[in-house]
Amino acid sequence: MAHFNKRLAKLILPAAAVSLSVFGLAAGSKAHSNDDGAEPVDCEIAVSKGRYGHTYEGVIHANSTTRGTYELNIKKRGTSGRAMISQSGDFYVTGGKSETLGQATFGGLPPASVEAELIIHYDGHTMACSNQSEI
């Protein structure tokens, strides 16, 4: 069990890792809101390839200053099995800014084997985005 935890720790980088913009490779997703009209925020799952594998980031873009909570759920499937990472917490984003709310890196896995979804709750609204176009 300890060997597995050490291996898993090598695959997952902390949430303070380098931003997607440094790598210059991205795959975004559309946000889905439960309301119509202009939203004060937008979100995406940004995917970048780096030295240790593909990094999946839940990113929020704020048109106006917004606070709320988020849930980032990332599932991977591969020949060695399945894993799920869930991160959540509070956020505060100044208008005109973008922030990474959570992230995880998986080494040696193609992006098609990872599903990521970011759910944002703010001012009584819910918005979700994913790296899968069907979600």
Protein backbone atom coordinates (compact mmCIF):
# COMPACT_ATOMS: atom_id res chain seq x y z
CA MET A 1 0.00 0.00 0.00
CA ALA A 2 2.82 2.44 0.84
CA HIS A 3 4.45 1.69 -2.53
CA PHE A 4 1.18 2.57 -4.30
CA ASN A 5 0.89 5.87 -2.36
CA LYS A 6 4.45 6.86 -3.31
CA ARG A 7 3.74 6.05 -6.95
CA LEU A 8 0.50 8.03 -6.87
CA ALA A 9 2.26 10.97 -5.23
CA LYS A 10 4.75 11.07 -8.12
CA LEU A 11 1.87 11.28 -10.62
CA ILE A 12 -0.03 14.09 -8.96
CA LEU A 13 1.54 17.52 -8.68
CA PRO A 14 0.35 20.02 -6.06
CA ALA A 15 -2.22 22.66 -6.97
CA ALA A 16 0.47 25.35 -6.96
CA ALA A 17 2.15 24.00 -10.12
CA VAL A 18 3.02 26.16 -13.10
CA SER A 19 0.16 27.69 -15.08
CA LEU A 20 -1.05 26.44 -18.44
CA SER A 21 0.16 29.57 -20.21
CA VAL A 22 3.78 28.54 -19.72
CA PHE A 23 3.25 25.33 -21.67
CA GLY A 24 1.25 26.96 -24.47
CA LEU A 25 -0.87 23.86 -25.15
CA ALA A 26 -4.52 23.93 -24.23
CA ALA A 27 -7.76 22.08 -24.72
CA GLY A 28 -10.79 23.96 -23.47
CA SER A 29 -14.39 23.13 -22.89
CA LYS A 30 -17.67 24.96 -22.91
CA ALA A 31 -19.34 26.01 -19.71
CA HIS A 32 -22.94 25.02 -19.09
CA SER A 33 -25.07 27.19 -16.82
CA ASN A 34 -28.48 26.57 -15.36
CA ASP A 35 -29.51 30.10 -16.46
CA ASP A 36 -29.71 31.99 -19.75
CA GLY A 37 -28.00 35.30 -20.41
CA ALA A 38 -24.61 36.83 -19.78
CA GLU A 39 -22.68 35.21 -16.97
CA PRO A 40 -20.29 36.99 -14.62
CA VAL A 41 -17.97 33.95 -14.91
CA ASP A 42 -16.95 31.34 -17.46
CA CYS A 43 -14.97 28.15 -16.87
CA GLU A 44 -12.87 25.62 -18.70
CA ILE A 45 -10.80 22.51 -18.24
CA ALA A 46 -7.36 23.44 -19.56
CA VAL A 47 -5.08 20.57 -20.57
CA SER A 48 -1.36 21.00 -21.01
CA LYS A 49 1.48 18.58 -21.67
CA GLY A 50 4.55 19.01 -19.54
CA ARG A 51 7.58 17.14 -18.35
CA TYR A 52 5.61 14.88 -16.00
CA GLY A 53 2.55 14.17 -18.16
CA HIS A 54 -0.73 15.94 -18.91
CA THR A 55 -2.00 18.50 -16.42
CA TYR A 56 -5.74 19.11 -16.09
CA GLU A 57 -6.70 22.47 -14.60
CA GLY A 58 -10.11 23.79 -13.60
CA VAL A 59 -9.95 27.47 -14.60
CA ILE A 60 -12.45 30.23 -13.87
CA HIS A 61 -12.62 33.46 -15.91
CA ALA A 62 -14.40 36.34 -14.14
CA ASN A 63 -16.08 39.19 -15.99
CA SER A 64 -16.94 40.75 -12.63
CA THR A 65 -15.66 40.11 -9.11
CA THR A 66 -17.19 36.83 -7.98
CA ARG A 67 -16.98 34.53 -4.98
CA GLY A 68 -18.37 31.07 -4.43
CA THR A 69 -17.38 27.43 -4.16
CA TYR A 70 -16.08 24.90 -6.65
CA GLU A 71 -15.76 21.15 -7.14
CA LEU A 72 -13.17 19.66 -9.48
CA ASN A 73 -13.60 15.95 -10.22
CA ILE A 74 -11.03 14.14 -12.33
CA LYS A 75 -11.32 10.46 -13.26
CA LYS A 76 -8.66 8.46 -15.05
CA ARG A 77 -8.81 4.99 -16.46
CA GLY A 78 -5.88 3.00 -17.73
CA THR A 79 -4.33 -0.44 -17.87
CA SER A 80 -3.28 -0.16 -14.22
CA GLY A 81 -6.81 0.61 -13.04
CA ARG A 82 -8.92 3.63 -12.21
CA ALA A 83 -8.46 6.64 -9.96
CA MET A 84 -10.60 9.61 -8.99
CA ILE A 85 -9.39 12.91 -7.64
CA SER A 86 -11.83 15.36 -6.07
CA GLN A 87 -10.86 18.86 -5.02
CA SER A 88 -13.18 21.54 -3.67
CA GLY A 89 -13.14 24.81 -1.82
CA ASP A 90 -14.01 28.48 -1.82
CA PHE A 91 -12.90 30.97 -4.45
CA TYR A 92 -12.74 34.73 -4.90
CA VAL A 93 -11.84 36.09 -8.32
CA THR A 94 -11.43 39.76 -9.22
CA GLY A 95 -13.26 40.94 -12.34
CA GLY A 96 -11.20 40.66 -15.51
CA LYS A 97 -8.99 37.91 -14.04
CA SER A 98 -8.65 34.15 -14.46
CA GLU A 99 -7.67 31.74 -11.70
CA THR A 100 -6.83 28.05 -11.53
CA LEU A 101 -9.10 26.49 -8.90
CA GLY A 102 -7.58 23.02 -8.85
CA GLN A 103 -5.43 20.70 -10.92
CA ALA A 104 -3.90 17.26 -11.25
CA THR A 105 -1.21 15.73 -13.46
CA PHE A 106 -1.17 12.19 -14.80
CA GLY A 107 1.99 10.79 -16.35
CA GLY A 108 1.96 8.55 -19.37
CA LEU A 109 -1.78 8.71 -19.98
CA PRO A 110 -3.34 10.03 -23.18
CA PRO A 111 -5.92 12.81 -22.62
CA ALA A 112 -8.72 10.52 -23.88
CA SER A 113 -8.31 8.35 -20.75
CA VAL A 114 -9.04 11.24 -18.36
CA GLU A 115 -12.42 12.89 -17.68
CA ALA A 116 -12.43 16.19 -15.79
CA GLU A 117 -15.37 18.32 -14.67
CA LEU A 118 -15.38 21.68 -12.87
CA ILE A 119 -18.59 22.74 -11.11
CA ILE A 120 -18.86 26.33 -9.89
CA HIS A 121 -21.48 27.59 -7.42
CA TYR A 122 -21.89 31.37 -7.09
CA ASP A 123 -24.72 33.76 -6.14
CA GLY A 124 -27.32 30.96 -6.25
CA HIS A 125 -26.16 29.80 -9.72
CA THR A 126 -24.35 26.67 -10.85
CA MET A 127 -22.07 26.34 -13.87
CA ALA A 128 -20.22 23.25 -15.07
CA CYS A 129 -17.55 22.61 -17.67
CA SER A 130 -15.75 19.48 -18.73
CA ASN A 131 -13.09 18.19 -21.09
CA GLN A 132 -15.73 15.86 -22.58
CA SER A 133 -17.97 17.55 -25.17
CA GLU A 134 -21.00 15.43 -24.23
CA ILE A 135 -21.15 16.64 -20.62
